[in-house]
């Protein structure tokens, strides 16, 4: 099982992915696209990355906005796996 990140490690991890915010037991980010199909294409690409990492985000799609939550359910909060996936998602967006 993955270990929860301590406060200092979490802060350092979030510096690597500054678009993400910490909320209680997860990190979150919302991305807005110009068109609905761009959002869907992004989610499809994200699904491949998440499946490869065997770490799956909570995904909420509302029109052109995609909201993501990352947490390690087994650990009850944010772990290094969440930060690593957040970085991979950021690379997908850029």
PDB file of N, CA and C in Angstrom:
ATOM      1  N   UNK A   1       0.842  -1.187   0.000  1.00  0.00           N
ATOM      2  CA  UNK A   1       0.000   0.000   0.000  1.00  0.00           C
ATOM      3  C   UNK A   1       0.879   1.240   0.000  1.00  0.00           C
ATOM      4  N   UNK A   2       0.463   2.253  -0.726  1.00  0.00           N
ATOM      5  CA  UNK A   2       1.187   3.516  -0.788  1.00  0.00           C
ATOM      6  C   UNK A   2       1.013   4.283   0.513  1.00  0.00           C
ATOM      7  N   UNK A   3       2.036   5.075   0.850  1.00  0.00           N
ATOM      8  CA  UNK A   3       1.971   5.862   2.078  1.00  0.00           C
ATOM      9  C   UNK A   3       1.516   7.283   1.779  1.00  0.00           C
ATOM     10  N   UNK A   4       0.734   7.842   2.689  1.00  0.00           N
ATOM     11  CA  UNK A   4       0.304   9.222   2.556  1.00  0.00           C
ATOM     12  C   UNK A   4       1.513  10.142   2.563  1.00  0.00           C
ATOM     13  N   UNK A   5       1.430  11.211   1.797  1.00  0.00           N
ATOM     14  CA  UNK A   5       2.496  12.205   1.796  1.00  0.00           C
ATOM     15  C   UNK A   5       2.381  13.081   3.042  1.00  0.00           C
ATOM     16  N   UNK A   6       3.511  13.330   3.668  1.00  0.00           N
ATOM     17  CA  UNK A   6       3.548  14.276   4.786  1.00  0.00           C
ATOM     18  C   UNK A   6       3.340  15.679   4.224  1.00  0.00           C
ATOM     19  N   UNK A   7       2.983  16.631   5.071  1.00  0.00           N
ATOM     20  CA  UNK A   7       2.690  17.995   4.623  1.00  0.00           C
ATOM     21  C   UNK A   7       3.797  18.590   3.765  1.00  0.00           C
ATOM     22  N   UNK A   8       5.061  18.473   4.202  1.00  0.00           N
ATOM     23  CA  UNK A   8       6.172  19.053   3.441  1.00  0.00           C
ATOM     24  C   UNK A   8       6.329  18.385   2.078  1.00  0.00           C
ATOM     25  N   UNK A   9       6.176  17.065   2.042  1.00  0.00           N
ATOM     26  CA  UNK A   9       6.281  16.334   0.773  1.00  0.00           C
ATOM     27  C   UNK A   9       5.120  16.678  -0.159  1.00  0.00           C
ATOM     28  N   UNK A  10       3.938  16.864   0.415  1.00  0.00           N
ATOM     29  CA  UNK A  10       2.774  17.245  -0.381  1.00  0.00           C
ATOM     30  C   UNK A  10       2.983  18.633  -0.986  1.00  0.00           C
ATOM     31  N   UNK A  11       3.464  19.581  -0.191  1.00  0.00           N
ATOM     32  CA  UNK A  11       3.729  20.935  -0.699  1.00  0.00           C
ATOM     33  C   UNK A  11       4.768  20.901  -1.811  1.00  0.00           C
ATOM     34  N   UNK A  12       5.820  20.107  -1.627  1.00  0.00           N
ATOM     35  CA  UNK A  12       6.857  19.987  -2.656  1.00  0.00           C
ATOM     36  C   UNK A  12       6.287  19.352  -3.918  1.00  0.00           C
ATOM     37  N   UNK A  13       5.437  18.358  -3.763  1.00  0.00           N
ATOM     38  CA  UNK A  13       4.821  17.700  -4.912  1.00  0.00           C
ATOM     39  C   UNK A  13       3.914  18.642  -5.678  1.00  0.00           C
ATOM     40  N   UNK A  14       3.170  19.474  -4.956  1.00  0.00           N
ATOM     41  CA  UNK A  14       2.255  20.410  -5.613  1.00  0.00           C
ATOM     42  C   UNK A  14       3.004  21.537  -6.329  1.00  0.00           C
ATOM     43  N   UNK A  15       4.225  21.801  -5.920  1.00  0.00           N
ATOM     44  CA  UNK A  15       5.034  22.792  -6.650  1.00  0.00           C
ATOM     45  C   UNK A  15       5.364  22.277  -8.048  1.00  0.00           C
ATOM     46  N   UNK A  16       5.416  20.963  -8.207  1.00  0.00           N
ATOM     47  CA  UNK A  16       5.676  20.355  -9.513  1.00  0.00           C
ATOM     48  C   UNK A  16       4.443  20.428 -10.419  1.00  0.00           C
ATOM     49  N   UNK A  17       3.277  20.578  -9.823  1.00  0.00           N
ATOM     50  CA  UNK A  17       2.029  20.667 -10.598  1.00  0.00           C
ATOM     51  C   UNK A  17       1.152  21.750  -9.976  1.00  0.00           C
ATOM     52  N   UNK A  18       1.521  23.013 -10.220  1.00  0.00           N
ATOM     53  CA  UNK A  18       0.883  24.149  -9.542  1.00  0.00           C
ATOM     54  C   UNK A  18      -0.586  24.388  -9.899  1.00  0.00           C
ATOM     55  N   UNK A  19      -1.088  23.788 -10.953  1.00  0.00           N
ATOM     56  CA  UNK A  19      -2.499  23.964 -11.316  1.00  0.00           C
ATOM     57  C   UNK A  19      -3.429  23.133 -10.430  1.00  0.00           C
ATOM     58  N   UNK A  20      -2.850  22.242  -9.636  1.00  0.00           N
ATOM     59  CA  UNK A  20      -3.635  21.357  -8.784  1.00  0.00           C
ATOM     60  C   UNK A  20      -3.766  21.964  -7.392  1.00  0.00           C
ATOM     61  N   UNK A  21      -4.912  21.706  -6.757  1.00  0.00           N
ATOM     62  CA  UNK A  21      -5.166  22.213  -5.409  1.00  0.00           C
ATOM     63  C   UNK A  21      -5.457  21.046  -4.477  1.00  0.00           C
ATOM     64  N   UNK A  22      -4.991  21.180  -3.249  1.00  0.00           N
ATOM     65  CA  UNK A  22      -5.234  20.168  -2.230  1.00  0.00           C
ATOM     66  C   UNK A  22      -6.534  20.491  -1.506  1.00  0.00           C
ATOM     67  N   UNK A  23      -7.389  19.479  -1.385  1.00  0.00           N
ATOM     68  CA  UNK A  23      -8.654  19.614  -0.655  1.00  0.00           C
ATOM     69  C   UNK A  23      -8.871  18.358   0.187  1.00  0.00           C
ATOM     70  N   UNK A  24      -8.700  18.476   1.472  1.00  0.00           N
ATOM     71  CA  UNK A  24      -8.939  17.404   2.445  1.00  0.00           C
ATOM     72  C   UNK A  24      -8.098  16.158   2.174  1.00  0.00           C
ATOM     73  N   UNK A  25      -8.592  15.255   1.323  1.00  0.00           N
ATOM     74  CA  UNK A  25      -7.888  13.994   1.081  1.00  0.00           C
ATOM     75  C   UNK A  25      -7.591  13.756  -0.398  1.00  0.00           C
ATOM     76  N   UNK A  26      -7.647  14.823  -1.194  1.00  0.00           N
ATOM     77  CA  UNK A  26      -7.406  14.646  -2.626  1.00  0.00           C
ATOM     78  C   UNK A  26      -6.815  15.918  -3.212  1.00  0.00           C
ATOM     79  N   UNK A  27      -6.302  15.790  -4.448  1.00  0.00           N
ATOM     80  CA  UNK A  27      -5.905  16.964  -5.209  1.00  0.00           C
ATOM     81  C   UNK A  27      -6.849  17.068  -6.397  1.00  0.00           C
ATOM     82  N   UNK A  28      -7.103  18.285  -6.823  1.00  0.00           N
ATOM     83  CA  UNK A  28      -8.109  18.516  -7.851  1.00  0.00           C
ATOM     84  C   UNK A  28      -7.647  19.563  -8.861  1.00  0.00           C
ATOM     85  N   UNK A  29      -8.168  19.436 -10.066  1.00  0.00           N
ATOM     86  CA  UNK A  29      -7.906  20.407 -11.122  1.00  0.00           C
ATOM     87  C   UNK A  29      -9.081  20.385 -12.094  1.00  0.00           C
ATOM     88  N   UNK A  30      -9.446  21.562 -12.590  1.00  0.00           N
ATOM     89  CA  UNK A  30     -10.473  21.676 -13.621  1.00  0.00           C
ATOM     90  C   UNK A  30      -9.835  22.276 -14.864  1.00  0.00           C
ATOM     91  N   UNK A  31     -10.088  21.645 -16.005  1.00  0.00           N
ATOM     92  CA  UNK A  31      -9.558  22.104 -17.288  1.00  0.00           C
ATOM     93  C   UNK A  31     -10.748  22.476 -18.161  1.00  0.00           C
ATOM     94  N   UNK A  32     -10.672  23.631 -18.804  1.00  0.00           N
ATOM     95  CA  UNK A  32     -11.751  24.052 -19.699  1.00  0.00           C
ATOM     96  C   UNK A  32     -11.249  24.024 -21.136  1.00  0.00           C
ATOM     97  N   UNK A  33     -12.055  23.449 -22.000  1.00  0.00           N
ATOM     98  CA  UNK A  33     -11.738  23.336 -23.416  1.00  0.00           C
ATOM     99  C   UNK A  33     -12.681  24.233 -24.212  1.00  0.00           C
ATOM    100  N   UNK A  34     -12.344  24.476 -25.462  1.00  0.00           N
ATOM    101  CA  UNK A  34     -13.193  25.327 -26.291  1.00  0.00           C
ATOM    102  C   UNK A  34     -14.450  24.603 -26.749  1.00  0.00           C
ATOM    103  N   UNK A  35     -14.332  23.291 -26.965  1.00  0.00           N
ATOM    104  CA  UNK A  35     -15.476  22.517 -27.450  1.00  0.00           C
ATOM    105  C   UNK A  35     -15.628  21.230 -26.648  1.00  0.00           C
ATOM    106  N   UNK A  36     -16.853  20.744 -26.609  1.00  0.00           N
ATOM    107  CA  UNK A  36     -17.164  19.521 -25.879  1.00  0.00           C
ATOM    108  C   UNK A  36     -16.313  18.344 -26.353  1.00  0.00           C
ATOM    109  N   UNK A  37     -16.183  18.181 -27.660  1.00  0.00           N
ATOM    110  CA  UNK A  37     -15.438  17.029 -28.182  1.00  0.00           C
ATOM    111  C   UNK A  37     -13.958  17.096 -27.815  1.00  0.00           C
ATOM    112  N   UNK A  38     -13.403  18.287 -27.641  1.00  0.00           N
ATOM    113  CA  UNK A  38     -12.027  18.401 -27.158  1.00  0.00           C
ATOM    114  C   UNK A  38     -11.915  17.842 -25.738  1.00  0.00           C
ATOM    115  N   UNK A  39     -12.918  18.119 -24.928  1.00  0.00           N
ATOM    116  CA  UNK A  39     -12.940  17.588 -23.562  1.00  0.00           C
ATOM    117  C   UNK A  39     -13.014  16.064 -23.577  1.00  0.00           C
ATOM    118  N   UNK A  40     -13.847  15.528 -24.448  1.00  0.00           N
ATOM    119  CA  UNK A  40     -13.996  14.075 -24.548  1.00  0.00           C
ATOM    120  C   UNK A  40     -12.704  13.433 -25.054  1.00  0.00           C
ATOM    121  N   UNK A  41     -12.069  14.039 -26.053  1.00  0.00           N
ATOM    122  CA  UNK A  41     -10.797  13.521 -26.565  1.00  0.00           C
ATOM    123  C   UNK A  41      -9.739  13.519 -25.457  1.00  0.00           C
ATOM    124  N   UNK A  42      -9.716  14.586 -24.661  1.00  0.00           N
ATOM    125  CA  UNK A  42      -8.782  14.655 -23.533  1.00  0.00           C
ATOM    126  C   UNK A  42      -9.034  13.515 -22.549  1.00  0.00           C
ATOM    127  N   UNK A  43     -10.309  13.293 -22.213  1.00  0.00           N
ATOM    128  CA  UNK A  43     -10.646  12.222 -21.257  1.00  0.00           C
ATOM    129  C   UNK A  43     -10.237  10.862 -21.815  1.00  0.00           C
ATOM    130  N   UNK A  44     -10.420  10.644 -23.096  1.00  0.00           N
ATOM    131  CA  UNK A  44     -10.002   9.380 -23.700  1.00  0.00           C
ATOM    132  C   UNK A  44      -8.487   9.194 -23.612  1.00  0.00           C
ATOM    133  N   UNK A  45      -7.733  10.256 -23.892  1.00  0.00           N
ATOM    134  CA  UNK A  45      -6.269  10.182 -23.767  1.00  0.00           C
ATOM    135  C   UNK A  45      -5.862   9.968 -22.313  1.00  0.00           C
ATOM    136  N   UNK A  46      -6.543  10.664 -21.410  1.00  0.00           N
ATOM    137  CA  UNK A  46      -6.272  10.517 -19.985  1.00  0.00           C
ATOM    138  C   UNK A  46      -6.537   9.089 -19.515  1.00  0.00           C
ATOM    139  N   UNK A  47      -7.589   8.475 -20.034  1.00  0.00           N
ATOM    140  CA  UNK A  47      -7.941   7.106 -19.642  1.00  0.00           C
ATOM    141  C   UNK A  47      -6.795   6.138 -19.945  1.00  0.00           C
ATOM    142  N   UNK A  48      -6.137   6.328 -21.067  1.00  0.00           N
ATOM    143  CA  UNK A  48      -5.003   5.467 -21.420  1.00  0.00           C
ATOM    144  C   UNK A  48      -3.853   5.637 -20.431  1.00  0.00           C
ATOM    145  N   UNK A  49      -3.539   6.876 -20.096  1.00  0.00           N
ATOM    146  CA  UNK A  49      -2.458   7.149 -19.143  1.00  0.00           C
ATOM    147  C   UNK A  49      -2.797   6.575 -17.767  1.00  0.00           C
ATOM    148  N   UNK A  50      -4.023   6.802 -17.315  1.00  0.00           N
ATOM    149  CA  UNK A  50      -4.444   6.328 -16.003  1.00  0.00           C
ATOM    150  C   UNK A  50      -4.442   4.804 -15.940  1.00  0.00           C
ATOM    151  N   UNK A  51      -4.897   4.166 -17.005  1.00  0.00           N
ATOM    152  CA  UNK A  51      -4.924   2.711 -17.016  1.00  0.00           C
ATOM    153  C   UNK A  51      -3.508   2.133 -17.001  1.00  0.00           C
ATOM    154  N   UNK A  52      -2.621   2.768 -17.758  1.00  0.00           N
ATOM    155  CA  UNK A  52      -1.218   2.350 -17.768  1.00  0.00           C
ATOM    156  C   UNK A  52      -0.605   2.469 -16.375  1.00  0.00           C
ATOM    157  N   UNK A  53      -0.946   3.540 -15.659  1.00  0.00           N
ATOM    158  CA  UNK A  53      -0.418   3.762 -14.308  1.00  0.00           C
ATOM    159  C   UNK A  53      -1.165   2.938 -13.257  1.00  0.00           C
ATOM    160  N   UNK A  54      -2.276   2.334 -13.650  1.00  0.00           N
ATOM    161  CA  UNK A  54      -3.157   1.600 -12.734  1.00  0.00           C
ATOM    162  C   UNK A  54      -3.559   2.477 -11.551  1.00  0.00           C
ATOM    163  N   UNK A  55      -3.868   3.736 -11.899  1.00  0.00           N
ATOM    164  CA  UNK A  55      -4.287   4.720 -10.899  1.00  0.00           C
ATOM    165  C   UNK A  55      -5.308   5.616 -11.584  1.00  0.00           C
ATOM    166  N   UNK A  56      -6.548   5.555 -11.143  1.00  0.00           N
ATOM    167  CA  UNK A  56      -7.647   6.157 -11.886  1.00  0.00           C
ATOM    168  C   UNK A  56      -8.258   7.342 -11.147  1.00  0.00           C
ATOM    169  N   UNK A  57      -8.321   8.491 -11.823  1.00  0.00           N
ATOM    170  CA  UNK A  57      -8.912   9.678 -11.198  1.00  0.00           C
ATOM    171  C   UNK A  57     -10.434   9.625 -11.229  1.00  0.00           C
ATOM    172  N   UNK A  58     -11.039  10.407 -10.351  1.00  0.00           N
ATOM    173  CA  UNK A  58     -12.473  10.667 -10.469  1.00  0.00           C
ATOM    174  C   UNK A  58     -12.590  11.751 -11.532  1.00  0.00           C
ATOM    175  N   UNK A  59     -13.462  11.548 -12.498  1.00  0.00           N
ATOM    176  CA  UNK A  59     -13.608  12.469 -13.624  1.00  0.00           C
ATOM    177  C   UNK A  59     -15.049  12.950 -13.698  1.00  0.00           C
ATOM    178  N   UNK A  60     -15.203  14.261 -13.786  1.00  0.00           N
ATOM    179  CA  UNK A  60     -16.528  14.863 -13.951  1.00  0.00           C
ATOM    180  C   UNK A  60     -16.474  15.743 -15.195  1.00  0.00           C
ATOM    181  N   UNK A  61     -17.354  15.459 -16.156  1.00  0.00           N
ATOM    182  CA  UNK A  61     -17.415  16.240 -17.386  1.00  0.00           C
ATOM    183  C   UNK A  61     -18.706  17.042 -17.378  1.00  0.00           C
ATOM    184  N   UNK A  62     -18.556  18.334 -17.567  1.00  0.00           N
ATOM    185  CA  UNK A  62     -19.727  19.209 -17.679  1.00  0.00           C
ATOM    186  C   UNK A  62     -19.476  20.158 -18.837  1.00  0.00           C
ATOM    187  N   UNK A  63     -20.121  19.862 -19.955  1.00  0.00           N
ATOM    188  CA  UNK A  63     -19.982  20.630 -21.184  1.00  0.00           C
ATOM    189  C   UNK A  63     -18.501  20.667 -21.597  1.00  0.00           C
ATOM    190  N   UNK A  64     -17.850  21.801 -21.517  1.00  0.00           N
ATOM    191  CA  UNK A  64     -16.452  21.911 -21.963  1.00  0.00           C
ATOM    192  C   UNK A  64     -15.464  21.866 -20.806  1.00  0.00           C
ATOM    193  N   UNK A  65     -15.942  21.583 -19.590  1.00  0.00           N
ATOM    194  CA  UNK A  65     -15.065  21.525 -18.413  1.00  0.00           C
ATOM    195  C   UNK A  65     -14.900  20.091 -17.938  1.00  0.00           C
ATOM    196  N   UNK A  66     -13.661  19.746 -17.628  1.00  0.00           N
ATOM    197  CA  UNK A  66     -13.358  18.435 -17.069  1.00  0.00           C
ATOM    198  C   UNK A  66     -12.720  18.670 -15.704  1.00  0.00           C
ATOM    199  N   UNK A  67     -13.366  18.155 -14.660  1.00  0.00           N
ATOM    200  CA  UNK A  67     -12.830  18.264 -13.307  1.00  0.00           C
ATOM    201  C   UNK A  67     -12.279  16.912 -12.884  1.00  0.00           C
ATOM    202  N   UNK A  68     -11.088  16.945 -12.308  1.00  0.00           N
ATOM    203  CA  UNK A  68     -10.399  15.721 -11.906  1.00  0.00           C
ATOM    204  C   UNK A  68     -10.105  15.741 -10.420  1.00  0.00           C
ATOM    205  N   UNK A  69     -10.222  14.590  -9.784  1.00  0.00           N
ATOM    206  CA  UNK A  69      -9.814  14.411  -8.396  1.00  0.00           C
ATOM    207  C   UNK A  69      -8.887  13.207  -8.350  1.00  0.00           C
ATOM    208  N   UNK A  70      -7.775  13.386  -7.677  1.00  0.00           N
ATOM    209  CA  UNK A  70      -6.835  12.293  -7.483  1.00  0.00           C
ATOM    210  C   UNK A  70      -6.663  12.026  -5.992  1.00  0.00           C
ATOM    211  N   UNK A  71      -6.789  10.779  -5.628  1.00  0.00           N
ATOM    212  CA  UNK A  71      -6.548  10.330  -4.264  1.00  0.00           C
ATOM    213  C   UNK A  71      -6.209   8.849  -4.325  1.00  0.00           C
ATOM    214  N   UNK A  72      -5.515   8.378  -3.333  1.00  0.00           N
ATOM    215  CA  UNK A  72      -5.250   6.943  -3.228  1.00  0.00           C
ATOM    216  C   UNK A  72      -6.198   6.402  -2.173  1.00  0.00           C
ATOM    217  N   UNK A  73      -7.270   5.775  -2.618  1.00  0.00           N
ATOM    218  CA  UNK A  73      -8.329   5.343  -1.716  1.00  0.00           C
ATOM    219  C   UNK A  73      -7.813   4.406  -0.625  1.00  0.00           C
ATOM    220  N   UNK A  74      -6.926   3.471  -0.994  1.00  0.00           N
ATOM    221  CA  UNK A  74      -6.399   2.514  -0.011  1.00  0.00           C
ATOM    222  C   UNK A  74      -5.667   3.209   1.129  1.00  0.00           C
ATOM    223  N   UNK A  75      -4.989   4.328   0.808  1.00  0.00           N
ATOM    224  CA  UNK A  75      -4.204   5.052   1.816  1.00  0.00           C
ATOM    225  C   UNK A  75      -5.039   6.112   2.530  1.00  0.00           C
ATOM    226  N   UNK A  76      -6.174   6.467   1.942  1.00  0.00           N
ATOM    227  CA  UNK A  76      -7.031   7.474   2.564  1.00  0.00           C
ATOM    228  C   UNK A  76      -6.589   8.902   2.322  1.00  0.00           C
ATOM    229  N   UNK A  77      -5.859   9.134   1.220  1.00  0.00           N
ATOM    230  CA  UNK A  77      -5.417  10.498   0.931  1.00  0.00           C
ATOM    231  C   UNK A  77      -4.438  10.533  -0.224  1.00  0.00           C
ATOM    232  N   UNK A  78      -3.644  11.597  -0.261  1.00  0.00           N
ATOM    233  CA  UNK A  78      -2.735  11.837  -1.378  1.00  0.00           C
ATOM    234  C   UNK A  78      -1.398  11.135  -1.151  1.00  0.00           C
ATOM    235  N   UNK A  79      -0.961  10.414  -2.187  1.00  0.00           N
ATOM    236  CA  UNK A  79       0.321   9.720  -2.165  1.00  0.00           C
ATOM    237  C   UNK A  79       1.160  10.172  -3.353  1.00  0.00           C
ATOM    238  N   UNK A  80       2.363   9.667  -3.446  1.00  0.00           N
ATOM    239  CA  UNK A  80       3.245   9.992  -4.563  1.00  0.00           C
ATOM    240  C   UNK A  80       2.606   9.586  -5.894  1.00  0.00           C
ATOM    241  N   UNK A  81       1.825   8.521  -5.903  1.00  0.00           N
ATOM    242  CA  UNK A  81       1.151   8.079  -7.131  1.00  0.00           C
ATOM    243  C   UNK A  81       0.214   9.160  -7.666  1.00  0.00           C
ATOM    244  N   UNK A  82      -0.435   9.888  -6.776  1.00  0.00           N
ATOM    245  CA  UNK A  82      -1.337  10.960  -7.196  1.00  0.00           C
ATOM    246  C   UNK A  82      -0.563  12.115  -7.821  1.00  0.00           C
ATOM    247  N   UNK A  83       0.533  12.497  -7.199  1.00  0.00           N
ATOM    248  CA  UNK A  83       1.350  13.594  -7.719  1.00  0.00           C
ATOM    249  C   UNK A  83       1.954  13.205  -9.066  1.00  0.00           C
ATOM    250  N   UNK A  84       2.424  11.978  -9.181  1.00  0.00           N
ATOM    251  CA  UNK A  84       3.000  11.522 -10.454  1.00  0.00           C
ATOM    252  C   UNK A  84       1.957  11.541 -11.564  1.00  0.00           C
ATOM    253  N   UNK A  85       0.743  11.080 -11.264  1.00  0.00           N
ATOM    254  CA  UNK A  85      -0.302  11.088 -12.283  1.00  0.00           C
ATOM    255  C   UNK A  85      -0.704  12.524 -12.621  1.00  0.00           C
ATOM    256  N   UNK A  86      -0.754  13.403 -11.646  1.00  0.00           N
ATOM    257  CA  UNK A  86      -1.063  14.815 -11.901  1.00  0.00           C
ATOM    258  C   UNK A  86      -0.045  15.414 -12.869  1.00  0.00           C
ATOM    259  N   UNK A  87       1.221  15.090 -12.676  1.00  0.00           N
ATOM    260  CA  UNK A  87       2.260  15.588 -13.582  1.00  0.00           C
ATOM    261  C   UNK A  87       2.068  15.039 -14.987  1.00  0.00           C
ATOM    262  N   UNK A  88       1.727  13.781 -15.102  1.00  0.00           N
ATOM    263  CA  UNK A  88       1.500  13.177 -16.420  1.00  0.00           C
ATOM    264  C   UNK A  88       0.284  13.809 -17.099  1.00  0.00           C
ATOM    265  N   UNK A  89      -0.738  14.117 -16.325  1.00  0.00           N
ATOM    266  CA  UNK A  89      -1.922  14.780 -16.878  1.00  0.00           C
ATOM    267  C   UNK A  89      -1.548  16.183 -17.353  1.00  0.00           C
ATOM    268  N   UNK A  90      -0.763  16.898 -16.556  1.00  0.00           N
ATOM    269  CA  UNK A  90      -0.321  18.236 -16.955  1.00  0.00           C
ATOM    270  C   UNK A  90       0.455  18.175 -18.261  1.00  0.00           C
ATOM    271  N   UNK A  91       1.307  17.166 -18.428  1.00  0.00           N
ATOM    272  CA  UNK A  91       2.061  17.016 -19.670  1.00  0.00           C
ATOM    273  C   UNK A  91       1.134  16.744 -20.852  1.00  0.00           C
ATOM    274  N   UNK A  92       0.053  16.044 -20.606  1.00  0.00           N
ATOM    275  CA  UNK A  92      -0.935  15.765 -21.644  1.00  0.00           C
ATOM    276  C   UNK A  92      -1.623  17.057 -22.107  1.00  0.00           C
ATOM    277  N   UNK A  93      -1.881  17.947 -21.165  1.00  0.00           N
ATOM    278  CA  UNK A  93      -2.569  19.206 -21.458  1.00  0.00           C
ATOM    279  C   UNK A  93      -1.665  20.161 -22.212  1.00  0.00           C
ATOM    280  N   UNK A  94      -0.404  20.229 -21.807  1.00  0.00           N
ATOM    281  CA  UNK A  94       0.538  21.202 -22.402  1.00  0.00           C
ATOM    282  C   UNK A  94       0.953  20.889 -23.805  1.00  0.00           C
TER     283      UNK A  94
END
